[in-house]
Amino acid sequence: MISVAVFGFFGAVARYLCYMAVENRARQPKLATWFVNSLGSLIIGACIGAELPAASGVFGFLGAFTTFSTMALDCVKDVEDGRWKQGILYISATLVCGLLLFAVGYSIASM
């Protein structure tokens, strides 16, 4: 349990650093959130494909690294601002990319 908390701390720090790096380059907060969630999906797919034990701390890291709540907040902001299409496109792209990248990571690691 302690390893999950420790790895979670590092996952949150890594998310912040990735988020800031992408946002500083692209100037698009949603792109930064999408990138972090997509990368996390790829990595967790690879971890499951490689059959890493859940207690390894990797899942604590990835749980803190990815951010569903920020994605939901971004989508709600779009809806509140009357940008329904943009919100639907954003959440759809995030889910589709996340599932596809999970499958890619899983497939590669389980070979």
PDB file of N, CA and C in Angstrom:
ATOM      1  N   MET A   1       0.816  -1.185   0.000  1.00  0.00           N
ATOM      2  CA  MET A   1       0.000   0.000   0.000  1.00  0.00           C
ATOM      3  C   MET A   1       0.868   1.261   0.000  1.00  0.00           C
ATOM      4  N   ILE A   2       1.946   1.228   0.742  1.00  0.00           N
ATOM      5  CA  ILE A   2       2.830   2.388   0.788  1.00  0.00           C
ATOM      6  C   ILE A   2       3.478   2.613  -0.577  1.00  0.00           C
ATOM      7  N   SER A   3       3.814   1.521  -1.265  1.00  0.00           N
ATOM      8  CA  SER A   3       4.440   1.686  -2.585  1.00  0.00           C
ATOM      9  C   SER A   3       3.480   2.355  -3.566  1.00  0.00           C
ATOM     10  N   VAL A   4       2.188   2.047  -3.465  1.00  0.00           N
ATOM     11  CA  VAL A   4       1.201   2.687  -4.344  1.00  0.00           C
ATOM     12  C   VAL A   4       1.157   4.188  -4.071  1.00  0.00           C
ATOM     13  N   ALA A   5       1.195   4.570  -2.795  1.00  0.00           N
ATOM     14  CA  ALA A   5       1.177   5.990  -2.431  1.00  0.00           C
ATOM     15  C   ALA A   5       2.442   6.705  -2.910  1.00  0.00           C
ATOM     16  N   VAL A   6       3.583   6.066  -2.729  1.00  0.00           N
ATOM     17  CA  VAL A   6       4.848   6.673  -3.154  1.00  0.00           C
ATOM     18  C   VAL A   6       4.874   6.820  -4.676  1.00  0.00           C
ATOM     19  N   PHE A   7       4.503   5.742  -5.369  1.00  0.00           N
ATOM     20  CA  PHE A   7       4.475   5.813  -6.826  1.00  0.00           C
ATOM     21  C   PHE A   7       3.412   6.804  -7.298  1.00  0.00           C
ATOM     22  N   GLY A   8       2.308   6.907  -6.559  1.00  0.00           N
ATOM     23  CA  GLY A   8       1.276   7.888  -6.881  1.00  0.00           C
ATOM     24  C   GLY A   8       1.810   9.306  -6.808  1.00  0.00           C
ATOM     25  N   PHE A   9       2.611   9.570  -5.804  1.00  0.00           N
ATOM     26  CA  PHE A   9       3.241  10.891  -5.684  1.00  0.00           C
ATOM     27  C   PHE A   9       4.074  11.197  -6.925  1.00  0.00           C
ATOM     28  N   PHE A  10       4.905  10.231  -7.317  1.00  0.00           N
ATOM     29  CA  PHE A  10       5.754  10.446  -8.484  1.00  0.00           C
ATOM     30  C   PHE A  10       4.936  10.541  -9.770  1.00  0.00           C
ATOM     31  N   GLY A  11       3.828   9.811  -9.834  1.00  0.00           N
ATOM     32  CA  GLY A  11       2.945   9.914 -10.994  1.00  0.00           C
ATOM     33  C   GLY A  11       2.335  11.293 -11.117  1.00  0.00           C
ATOM     34  N   ALA A  12       1.936  11.869  -9.985  1.00  0.00           N
ATOM     35  CA  ALA A  12       1.361  13.222  -9.997  1.00  0.00           C
ATOM     36  C   ALA A  12       2.405  14.252 -10.421  1.00  0.00           C
ATOM     37  N   VAL A  13       3.622  14.097  -9.942  1.00  0.00           N
ATOM     38  CA  VAL A  13       4.705  15.010 -10.336  1.00  0.00           C
ATOM     39  C   VAL A  13       4.995  14.859 -11.831  1.00  0.00           C
ATOM     40  N   ALA A  14       5.050  13.620 -12.309  1.00  0.00           N
ATOM     41  CA  ALA A  14       5.307  13.382 -13.737  1.00  0.00           C
ATOM     42  C   ALA A  14       4.187  13.971 -14.596  1.00  0.00           C
ATOM     43  N   ARG A  15       2.938  13.836 -14.137  1.00  0.00           N
ATOM     44  CA  ARG A  15       1.816  14.423 -14.876  1.00  0.00           C
ATOM     45  C   ARG A  15       1.987  15.933 -14.977  1.00  0.00           C
ATOM     46  N   TYR A  16       2.312  16.557 -13.875  1.00  0.00           N
ATOM     47  CA  TYR A  16       2.496  18.010 -13.867  1.00  0.00           C
ATOM     48  C   TYR A  16       3.600  18.425 -14.840  1.00  0.00           C
ATOM     49  N   LEU A  17       4.724  17.723 -14.803  1.00  0.00           N
ATOM     50  CA  LEU A  17       5.848  18.071 -15.675  1.00  0.00           C
ATOM     51  C   LEU A  17       5.500  17.873 -17.149  1.00  0.00           C
ATOM     52  N   CYS A  18       4.845  16.753 -17.473  1.00  0.00           N
ATOM     53  CA  CYS A  18       4.418  16.513 -18.861  1.00  0.00           C
ATOM     54  C   CYS A  18       3.400  17.550 -19.297  1.00  0.00           C
ATOM     55  N   TYR A  19       2.449  17.818 -18.423  1.00  0.00           N
ATOM     56  CA  TYR A  19       1.400  18.788 -18.721  1.00  0.00           C
ATOM     57  C   TYR A  19       2.015  20.149 -19.034  1.00  0.00           C
ATOM     58  N   MET A  20       2.932  20.585 -18.193  1.00  0.00           N
ATOM     59  CA  MET A  20       3.554  21.894 -18.395  1.00  0.00           C
ATOM     60  C   MET A  20       4.397  21.917 -19.674  1.00  0.00           C
ATOM     61  N   ALA A  21       5.113  20.837 -19.957  1.00  0.00           N
ATOM     62  CA  ALA A  21       5.942  20.783 -21.165  1.00  0.00           C
ATOM     63  C   ALA A  21       5.084  20.883 -22.421  1.00  0.00           C
ATOM     64  N   VAL A  22       3.982  20.142 -22.465  1.00  0.00           N
ATOM     65  CA  VAL A  22       3.104  20.178 -23.642  1.00  0.00           C
ATOM     66  C   VAL A  22       2.390  21.515 -23.729  1.00  0.00           C
ATOM     67  N   GLU A  23       1.864  21.995 -22.613  1.00  0.00           N
ATOM     68  CA  GLU A  23       1.131  23.261 -22.637  1.00  0.00           C
ATOM     69  C   GLU A  23       2.046  24.427 -23.026  1.00  0.00           C
ATOM     70  N   ASN A  24       3.278  24.426 -22.550  1.00  0.00           N
ATOM     71  CA  ASN A  24       4.211  25.504 -22.895  1.00  0.00           C
ATOM     72  C   ASN A  24       4.550  25.513 -24.382  1.00  0.00           C
ATOM     73  N   ARG A  25       4.567  24.331 -24.995  1.00  0.00           N
ATOM     74  CA  ARG A  25       4.869  24.254 -26.426  1.00  0.00           C
ATOM     75  C   ARG A  25       3.630  24.519 -27.275  1.00  0.00           C
ATOM     76  N   ALA A  26       2.521  23.904 -26.919  1.00  0.00           N
ATOM     77  CA  ALA A  26       1.321  23.961 -27.754  1.00  0.00           C
ATOM     78  C   ALA A  26       0.357  25.068 -27.346  1.00  0.00           C
ATOM     79  N   ARG A  27       0.478  25.551 -26.123  1.00  0.00           N
ATOM     80  CA  ARG A  27      -0.425  26.583 -25.592  1.00  0.00           C
ATOM     81  C   ARG A  27      -1.882  26.123 -25.602  1.00  0.00           C
ATOM     82  N   GLN A  28      -2.083  24.823 -25.448  1.00  0.00           N
ATOM     83  CA  GLN A  28      -3.418  24.238 -25.434  1.00  0.00           C
ATOM     84  C   GLN A  28      -3.544  23.302 -24.232  1.00  0.00           C
ATOM     85  N   PRO A  29      -4.194  23.747 -23.155  1.00  0.00           N
ATOM     86  CA  PRO A  29      -4.320  22.888 -21.977  1.00  0.00           C
ATOM     87  C   PRO A  29      -4.989  21.547 -22.279  1.00  0.00           C
ATOM     88  N   LYS A  30      -5.988  21.544 -23.164  1.00  0.00           N
ATOM     89  CA  LYS A  30      -6.666  20.283 -23.492  1.00  0.00           C
ATOM     90  C   LYS A  30      -5.722  19.308 -24.176  1.00  0.00           C
ATOM     91  N   LEU A  31      -4.833  19.814 -25.008  1.00  0.00           N
ATOM     92  CA  LEU A  31      -3.869  18.946 -25.676  1.00  0.00           C
ATOM     93  C   LEU A  31      -2.942  18.306 -24.652  1.00  0.00           C
ATOM     94  N   ALA A  32      -2.568  19.057 -23.642  1.00  0.00           N
ATOM     95  CA  ALA A  32      -1.708  18.522 -22.584  1.00  0.00           C
ATOM     96  C   ALA A  32      -2.425  17.411 -21.820  1.00  0.00           C
ATOM     97  N   THR A  33      -3.697  17.622 -21.490  1.00  0.00           N
ATOM     98  CA  THR A  33      -4.472  16.594 -20.786  1.00  0.00           C
ATOM     99  C   THR A  33      -4.645  15.369 -21.671  1.00  0.00           C
ATOM    100  N   TRP A  34      -4.953  15.590 -22.948  1.00  0.00           N
ATOM    101  CA  TRP A  34      -5.108  14.482 -23.892  1.00  0.00           C
ATOM    102  C   TRP A  34      -3.809  13.683 -23.990  1.00  0.00           C
ATOM    103  N   PHE A  35      -2.675  14.369 -24.075  1.00  0.00           N
ATOM    104  CA  PHE A  35      -1.377  13.709 -24.190  1.00  0.00           C
ATOM    105  C   PHE A  35      -1.097  12.828 -22.975  1.00  0.00           C
ATOM    106  N   VAL A  36      -1.302  13.374 -21.789  1.00  0.00           N
ATOM    107  CA  VAL A  36      -1.036  12.630 -20.557  1.00  0.00           C
ATOM    108  C   VAL A  36      -1.936  11.394 -20.478  1.00  0.00           C
ATOM    109  N   ASN A  37      -3.219  11.554 -20.761  1.00  0.00           N
ATOM    110  CA  ASN A  37      -4.135  10.421 -20.695  1.00  0.00           C
ATOM    111  C   ASN A  37      -3.824   9.376 -21.762  1.00  0.00           C
ATOM    112  N   SER A  38      -3.448   9.817 -22.955  1.00  0.00           N
ATOM    113  CA  SER A  38      -3.112   8.881 -24.030  1.00  0.00           C
ATOM    114  C   SER A  38      -1.834   8.114 -23.707  1.00  0.00           C
ATOM    115  N   LEU A  39      -0.825   8.821 -23.240  1.00  0.00           N
ATOM    116  CA  LEU A  39       0.429   8.165 -22.857  1.00  0.00           C
ATOM    117  C   LEU A  39       0.195   7.178 -21.714  1.00  0.00           C
ATOM    118  N   GLY A  40      -0.592   7.586 -20.733  1.00  0.00           N
ATOM    119  CA  GLY A  40      -0.913   6.691 -19.620  1.00  0.00           C
ATOM    120  C   GLY A  40      -1.637   5.440 -20.082  1.00  0.00           C
ATOM    121  N   SER A  41      -2.541   5.578 -21.054  1.00  0.00           N
ATOM    122  CA  SER A  41      -3.262   4.422 -21.595  1.00  0.00           C
ATOM    123  C   SER A  41      -2.312   3.457 -22.290  1.00  0.00           C
ATOM    124  N   LEU A  42      -1.377   4.001 -23.055  1.00  0.00           N
ATOM    125  CA  LEU A  42      -0.386   3.168 -23.729  1.00  0.00           C
ATOM    126  C   LEU A  42       0.460   2.403 -22.711  1.00  0.00           C
ATOM    127  N   ILE A  43       0.920   3.098 -21.693  1.00  0.00           N
ATOM    128  CA  ILE A  43       1.792   2.475 -20.692  1.00  0.00           C
ATOM    129  C   ILE A  43       1.038   1.441 -19.866  1.00  0.00           C
ATOM    130  N   ILE A  44      -0.194   1.740 -19.463  1.00  0.00           N
ATOM    131  CA  ILE A  44      -0.919   0.764 -18.646  1.00  0.00           C
ATOM    132  C   ILE A  44      -1.284  -0.465 -19.476  1.00  0.00           C
ATOM    133  N   GLY A  45      -1.549  -0.266 -20.767  1.00  0.00           N
ATOM    134  CA  GLY A  45      -1.772  -1.415 -21.642  1.00  0.00           C
ATOM    135  C   GLY A  45      -0.541  -2.298 -21.709  1.00  0.00           C
ATOM    136  N   ALA A  46       0.625  -1.670 -21.813  1.00  0.00           N
ATOM    137  CA  ALA A  46       1.880  -2.426 -21.848  1.00  0.00           C
ATOM    138  C   ALA A  46       2.129  -3.148 -20.525  1.00  0.00           C
ATOM    139  N   CYS A  47       1.820  -2.499 -19.413  1.00  0.00           N
ATOM    140  CA  CYS A  47       2.025  -3.124 -18.097  1.00  0.00           C
ATOM    141  C   CYS A  47       1.124  -4.338 -17.917  1.00  0.00           C
ATOM    142  N   ILE A  48      -0.112  -4.222 -18.353  1.00  0.00           N
ATOM    143  CA  ILE A  48      -1.032  -5.356 -18.234  1.00  0.00           C
ATOM    144  C   ILE A  48      -0.638  -6.453 -19.216  1.00  0.00           C
ATOM    145  N   GLY A  49      -0.238  -6.067 -20.427  1.00  0.00           N
ATOM    146  CA  GLY A  49       0.221  -7.048 -21.403  1.00  0.00           C
ATOM    147  C   GLY A  49       1.455  -7.799 -20.931  1.00  0.00           C
ATOM    148  N   ALA A  50       2.312  -7.118 -20.191  1.00  0.00           N
ATOM    149  CA  ALA A  50       3.523  -7.742 -19.646  1.00  0.00           C
ATOM    150  C   ALA A  50       3.239  -8.489 -18.345  1.00  0.00           C
ATOM    151  N   GLU A  51       1.986  -8.451 -17.912  1.00  0.00           N
ATOM    152  CA  GLU A  51       1.527  -9.136 -16.699  1.00  0.00           C
ATOM    153  C   GLU A  51       2.280  -8.694 -15.448  1.00  0.00           C
ATOM    154  N   LEU A  52       2.507  -7.389 -15.332  1.00  0.00           N
ATOM    155  CA  LEU A  52       3.108  -6.860 -14.105  1.00  0.00           C
ATOM    156  C   LEU A  52       2.104  -6.988 -12.967  1.00  0.00           C
ATOM    157  N   PRO A  53       2.571  -7.342 -11.784  1.00  0.00           N
ATOM    158  CA  PRO A  53       1.639  -7.446 -10.657  1.00  0.00           C
ATOM    159  C   PRO A  53       1.078  -6.076 -10.280  1.00  0.00           C
ATOM    160  N   ALA A  54      -0.200  -6.055  -9.931  1.00  0.00           N
ATOM    161  CA  ALA A  54      -0.875  -4.793  -9.592  1.00  0.00           C
ATOM    162  C   ALA A  54      -0.203  -4.093  -8.419  1.00  0.00           C
ATOM    163  N   ALA A  55       0.384  -4.833  -7.517  1.00  0.00           N
ATOM    164  CA  ALA A  55       1.004  -4.247  -6.324  1.00  0.00           C
ATOM    165  C   ALA A  55       2.384  -3.663  -6.610  1.00  0.00           C
ATOM    166  N   SER A  56       2.806  -3.681  -7.862  1.00  0.00           N
ATOM    167  CA  SER A  56       4.159  -3.225  -8.186  1.00  0.00           C
ATOM    168  C   SER A  56       4.352  -1.727  -8.026  1.00  0.00           C
ATOM    169  N   GLY A  57       3.305  -0.990  -7.830  1.00  0.00           N
ATOM    170  CA  GLY A  57       3.423   0.457  -7.714  1.00  0.00           C
ATOM    171  C   GLY A  57       3.236   1.160  -9.039  1.00  0.00           C
ATOM    172  N   VAL A  58       3.396   0.415 -10.134  1.00  0.00           N
ATOM    173  CA  VAL A  58       3.216   0.997 -11.460  1.00  0.00           C
ATOM    174  C   VAL A  58       1.803   1.544 -11.604  1.00  0.00           C
ATOM    175  N   PHE A  59       0.846   0.842 -11.051  1.00  0.00           N
ATOM    176  CA  PHE A  59      -0.545   1.266 -11.183  1.00  0.00           C
ATOM    177  C   PHE A  59      -0.844   2.476 -10.305  1.00  0.00           C
ATOM    178  N   GLY A  60      -0.140   2.618  -9.201  1.00  0.00           N
ATOM    179  CA  GLY A  60      -0.255   3.839  -8.401  1.00  0.00           C
ATOM    180  C   GLY A  60       0.302   5.024  -9.168  1.00  0.00           C
ATOM    181  N   PHE A  61       1.425   4.805  -9.825  1.00  0.00           N
ATOM    182  CA  PHE A  61       2.029   5.854 -10.648  1.00  0.00           C
ATOM    183  C   PHE A  61       1.083   6.264 -11.764  1.00  0.00           C
ATOM    184  N   LEU A  62       0.572   5.278 -12.504  1.00  0.00           N
ATOM    185  CA  LEU A  62      -0.280   5.582 -13.651  1.00  0.00           C
ATOM    186  C   LEU A  62      -1.640   6.125 -13.239  1.00  0.00           C
ATOM    187  N   GLY A  63      -2.142   5.686 -12.095  1.00  0.00           N
ATOM    188  CA  GLY A  63      -3.404   6.227 -11.594  1.00  0.00           C
ATOM    189  C   GLY A  63      -3.297   7.710 -11.296  1.00  0.00           C
ATOM    190  N   ALA A  64      -2.166   8.125 -10.779  1.00  0.00           N
ATOM    191  CA  ALA A  64      -1.948   9.543 -10.485  1.00  0.00           C
ATOM    192  C   ALA A  64      -1.493  10.309 -11.723  1.00  0.00           C
ATOM    193  N   PHE A  65      -0.862   9.613 -12.657  1.00  0.00           N
ATOM    194  CA  PHE A  65      -0.368  10.259 -13.875  1.00  0.00           C
ATOM    195  C   PHE A  65      -1.513  10.662 -14.796  1.00  0.00           C
ATOM    196  N   THR A  66      -2.472   9.767 -14.976  1.00  0.00           N
ATOM    197  CA  THR A  66      -3.608  10.074 -15.846  1.00  0.00           C
ATOM    198  C   THR A  66      -4.626  10.906 -15.083  1.00  0.00           C
ATOM    199  N   THR A  67      -5.505  11.575 -15.818  1.00  0.00           N
ATOM    200  CA  THR A  67      -6.391  12.511 -15.148  1.00  0.00           C
ATOM    201  C   THR A  67      -7.756  12.601 -15.818  1.00  0.00           C
ATOM    202  N   PHE A  68      -8.630  11.707 -15.426  1.00  0.00           N
ATOM    203  CA  PHE A  68     -10.000  11.725 -15.944  1.00  0.00           C
ATOM    204  C   PHE A  68     -10.732  12.976 -15.481  1.00  0.00           C
ATOM    205  N   SER A  69     -10.486  13.396 -14.259  1.00  0.00           N
ATOM    206  CA  SER A  69     -11.209  14.549 -13.713  1.00  0.00           C
ATOM    207  C   SER A  69     -10.902  15.833 -14.481  1.00  0.00           C
ATOM    208  N   THR A  70      -9.666  16.026 -14.907  1.00  0.00           N
ATOM    209  CA  THR A  70      -9.332  17.217 -15.686  1.00  0.00           C
ATOM    210  C   THR A  70      -9.995  17.158 -17.056  1.00  0.00           C
ATOM    211  N   MET A  71     -10.033  15.969 -17.651  1.00  0.00           N
ATOM    212  CA  MET A  71     -10.719  15.813 -18.929  1.00  0.00           C
ATOM    213  C   MET A  71     -12.200  16.158 -18.778  1.00  0.00           C
ATOM    214  N   ALA A  72     -12.827  15.663 -17.725  1.00  0.00           N
ATOM    215  CA  ALA A  72     -14.244  15.952 -17.487  1.00  0.00           C
ATOM    216  C   ALA A  72     -14.470  17.448 -17.279  1.00  0.00           C
ATOM    217  N   LEU A  73     -13.597  18.088 -16.522  1.00  0.00           N
ATOM    218  CA  LEU A  73     -13.716  19.530 -16.288  1.00  0.00           C
ATOM    219  C   LEU A  73     -13.590  20.311 -17.593  1.00  0.00           C
ATOM    220  N   ASP A  74     -12.625  19.944 -18.425  1.00  0.00           N
ATOM    221  CA  ASP A  74     -12.460  20.610 -19.718  1.00  0.00           C
ATOM    222  C   ASP A  74     -13.716  20.475 -20.567  1.00  0.00           C
ATOM    223  N   CYS A  75     -14.307  19.293 -20.555  1.00  0.00           N
ATOM    224  CA  CYS A  75     -15.518  19.047 -21.334  1.00  0.00           C
ATOM    225  C   CYS A  75     -16.691  19.864 -20.793  1.00  0.00           C
ATOM    226  N   VAL A  76     -16.852  19.907 -19.486  1.00  0.00           N
ATOM    227  CA  VAL A  76     -17.932  20.688 -18.870  1.00  0.00           C
ATOM    228  C   VAL A  76     -17.767  22.171 -19.199  1.00  0.00           C
ATOM    229  N   LYS A  77     -16.538  22.662 -19.169  1.00  0.00           N
ATOM    230  CA  LYS A  77     -16.294  24.067 -19.529  1.00  0.00           C
ATOM    231  C   LYS A  77     -16.730  24.348 -20.967  1.00  0.00           C
ATOM    232  N   ASP A  78     -16.420  23.415 -21.877  1.00  0.00           N
ATOM    233  CA  ASP A  78     -16.854  23.583 -23.264  1.00  0.00           C
ATOM    234  C   ASP A  78     -18.375  23.664 -23.356  1.00  0.00           C
ATOM    235  N   VAL A  79     -19.062  22.765 -22.668  1.00  0.00           N
ATOM    236  CA  VAL A  79     -20.526  22.744 -22.693  1.00  0.00           C
ATOM    237  C   VAL A  79     -21.085  24.037 -22.106  1.00  0.00           C
ATOM    238  N   GLU A  80     -20.555  24.469 -20.978  1.00  0.00           N
ATOM    239  CA  GLU A  80     -21.022  25.710 -20.346  1.00  0.00           C
ATOM    240  C   GLU A  80     -20.799  26.928 -21.237  1.00  0.00           C
ATOM    241  N   ASP A  81     -19.734  26.888 -22.035  1.00  0.00           N
ATOM    242  CA  ASP A  81     -19.432  28.001 -22.936  1.00  0.00           C
ATOM    243  C   ASP A  81     -20.141  27.867 -24.286  1.00  0.00           C
ATOM    244  N   GLY A  82     -21.026  26.870 -24.401  1.00  0.00           N
ATOM    245  CA  GLY A  82     -21.782  26.683 -25.633  1.00  0.00           C
ATOM    246  C   GLY A  82     -21.022  25.994 -26.749  1.00  0.00           C
ATOM    247  N   ARG A  83     -19.882  25.393 -26.413  1.00  0.00           N
ATOM    248  CA  ARG A  83     -19.073  24.696 -27.422  1.00  0.00           C
ATOM    249  C   ARG A  83     -19.324  23.190 -27.320  1.00  0.00           C
ATOM    250  N   TRP A  84     -20.567  22.792 -27.543  1.00  0.00           N
ATOM    251  CA  TRP A  84     -20.961  21.391 -27.427  1.00  0.00           C
ATOM    252  C   TRP A  84     -20.153  20.492 -28.352  1.00  0.00           C
ATOM    253  N   LYS A  85     -20.048  20.894 -29.607  1.00  0.00           N
ATOM    254  CA  LYS A  85     -19.333  20.061 -30.583  1.00  0.00           C
ATOM    255  C   LYS A  85     -17.878  19.858 -30.173  1.00  0.00           C
ATOM    256  N   GLN A  86     -17.239  20.919 -29.726  1.00  0.00           N
ATOM    257  CA  GLN A  86     -15.843  20.816 -29.306  1.00  0.00           C
ATOM    258  C   GLN A  86     -15.714  19.887 -28.099  1.00  0.00           C
ATOM    259  N   GLY A  87     -16.633  19.998 -27.140  1.00  0.00           N
ATOM    260  CA  GLY A  87     -16.611  19.127 -25.967  1.00  0.00           C
ATOM    261  C   GLY A  87     -16.809  17.668 -26.324  1.00  0.00           C
ATOM    262  N   ILE A  88     -17.768  17.402 -27.212  1.00  0.00           N
ATOM    263  CA  ILE A  88     -18.034  16.020 -27.633  1.00  0.00           C
ATOM    264  C   ILE A  88     -16.848  15.467 -28.412  1.00  0.00           C
ATOM    265  N   LEU A  89     -16.288  16.277 -29.295  1.00  0.00           N
ATOM    266  CA  LEU A  89     -15.120  15.841 -30.064  1.00  0.00           C
ATOM    267  C   LEU A  89     -13.936  15.547 -29.145  1.00  0.00           C
ATOM    268  N   TYR A  90     -13.715  16.413 -28.170  1.00  0.00           N
ATOM    269  CA  TYR A  90     -12.597  16.249 -27.233  1.00  0.00           C
ATOM    270  C   TYR A  90     -12.724  14.962 -26.427  1.00  0.00           C
ATOM    271  N   ILE A  91     -13.892  14.747 -25.848  1.00  0.00           N
ATOM    272  CA  ILE A  91     -14.055  13.552 -25.014  1.00  0.00           C
ATOM    273  C   ILE A  91     -14.042  12.289 -25.870  1.00  0.00           C
ATOM    274  N   SER A  92     -14.602  12.367 -27.076  1.00  0.00           N
ATOM    275  CA  SER A  92     -14.588  11.212 -27.980  1.00  0.00           C
ATOM    276  C   SER A  92     -13.168  10.878 -28.418  1.00  0.00           C
ATOM    277  N   ALA A  93     -12.408  11.900 -28.797  1.00  0.00           N
ATOM    278  CA  ALA A  93     -11.022  11.672 -29.225  1.00  0.00           C
ATOM    279  C   ALA A  93     -10.183  11.101 -28.085  1.00  0.00           C
ATOM    280  N   THR A  94     -10.417  11.587 -26.877  1.00  0.00           N
ATOM    281  CA  THR A  94      -9.669  11.091 -25.723  1.00  0.00           C
ATOM    282  C   THR A  94      -9.984   9.618 -25.470  1.00  0.00           C
ATOM    283  N   LEU A  95     -11.256   9.266 -25.499  1.00  0.00           N
ATOM    284  CA  LEU A  95     -11.643   7.878 -25.236  1.00  0.00           C
ATOM    285  C   LEU A  95     -11.165   6.940 -26.342  1.00  0.00           C
ATOM    286  N   VAL A  96     -11.357   7.331 -27.600  1.00  0.00           N
ATOM    287  CA  VAL A  96     -10.938   6.477 -28.713  1.00  0.00           C
ATOM    288  C   VAL A  96      -9.419   6.298 -28.710  1.00  0.00           C
ATOM    289  N   CYS A  97      -8.683   7.393 -28.580  1.00  0.00           N
ATOM    290  CA  CYS A  97      -7.215   7.295 -28.548  1.00  0.00           C
ATOM    291  C   CYS A  97      -6.741   6.482 -27.351  1.00  0.00           C
ATOM    292  N   GLY A  98      -7.370   6.695 -26.206  1.00  0.00           N
ATOM    293  CA  GLY A  98      -6.994   5.937 -25.014  1.00  0.00           C
ATOM    294  C   GLY A  98      -7.183   4.444 -25.200  1.00  0.00           C
ATOM    295  N   LEU A  99      -8.322   4.055 -25.754  1.00  0.00           N
ATOM    296  CA  LEU A  99      -8.583   2.630 -25.984  1.00  0.00           C
ATOM    297  C   LEU A  99      -7.635   2.050 -27.027  1.00  0.00           C
ATOM    298  N   LEU A 100      -7.412   2.780 -28.103  1.00  0.00           N
ATOM    299  CA  LEU A 100      -6.498   2.295 -29.140  1.00  0.00           C
ATOM    300  C   LEU A 100      -5.067   2.170 -28.623  1.00  0.00           C
ATOM    301  N   LEU A 101      -4.604   3.171 -27.896  1.00  0.00           N
ATOM    302  CA  LEU A 101      -3.237   3.117 -27.376  1.00  0.00           C
ATOM    303  C   LEU A 101      -3.080   2.053 -26.297  1.00  0.00           C
ATOM    304  N   PHE A 102      -4.124   1.838 -25.497  1.00  0.00           N
ATOM    305  CA  PHE A 102      -4.095   0.732 -24.539  1.00  0.00           C
ATOM    306  C   PHE A 102      -3.896  -0.577 -25.295  1.00  0.00           C
ATOM    307  N   ALA A 103      -4.675  -0.774 -26.366  1.00  0.00           N
ATOM    308  CA  ALA A 103      -4.582  -2.005 -27.155  1.00  0.00           C
ATOM    309  C   ALA A 103      -3.199  -2.157 -27.785  1.00  0.00           C
ATOM    310  N   VAL A 104      -2.632  -1.069 -28.271  1.00  0.00           N
ATOM    311  CA  VAL A 104      -1.285  -1.115 -28.858  1.00  0.00           C
ATOM    312  C   VAL A 104      -0.262  -1.517 -27.798  1.00  0.00           C
ATOM    313  N   GLY A 105      -0.306  -0.865 -26.648  1.00  0.00           N
ATOM    314  CA  GLY A 105       0.624  -1.200 -25.564  1.00  0.00           C
ATOM    315  C   GLY A 105       0.479  -2.640 -25.118  1.00  0.00           C
ATOM    316  N   TYR A 106      -0.761  -3.081 -24.974  1.00  0.00           N
ATOM    317  CA  TYR A 106      -1.039  -4.459 -24.558  1.00  0.00           C
ATOM    318  C   TYR A 106      -0.493  -5.449 -25.585  1.00  0.00           C
ATOM    319  N   SER A 107      -0.780  -5.185 -26.858  1.00  0.00           N
ATOM    320  CA  SER A 107      -0.347  -6.092 -27.927  1.00  0.00           C
ATOM    321  C   SER A 107       1.170  -6.203 -28.002  1.00  0.00           C
ATOM    322  N   ILE A 108       1.834  -5.080 -27.925  1.00  0.00           N
ATOM    323  CA  ILE A 108       3.300  -5.086 -28.017  1.00  0.00           C
ATOM    324  C   ILE A 108       3.920  -5.820 -26.830  1.00  0.00           C
ATOM    325  N   ALA A 109       3.425  -5.541 -25.630  1.00  0.00           N
ATOM    326  CA  ALA A 109       4.023  -6.136 -24.429  1.00  0.00           C
ATOM    327  C   ALA A 109       3.705  -7.614 -24.278  1.00  0.00           C
ATOM    328  N   SER A 110       2.600  -8.069 -24.853  1.00  0.00           N
ATOM    329  CA  SER A 110       2.230  -9.476 -24.669  1.00  0.00           C
ATOM    330  C   SER A 110       2.761 -10.373 -25.782  1.00  0.00           C
ATOM    331  N   MET A 111       3.578  -9.838 -26.674  1.00  0.00           N
ATOM    332  CA  MET A 111       4.160 -10.651 -27.761  1.00  0.00           C
ATOM    333  C   MET A 111       5.181 -11.624 -27.235  1.00  0.00           C
TER     334      MET A 111
END
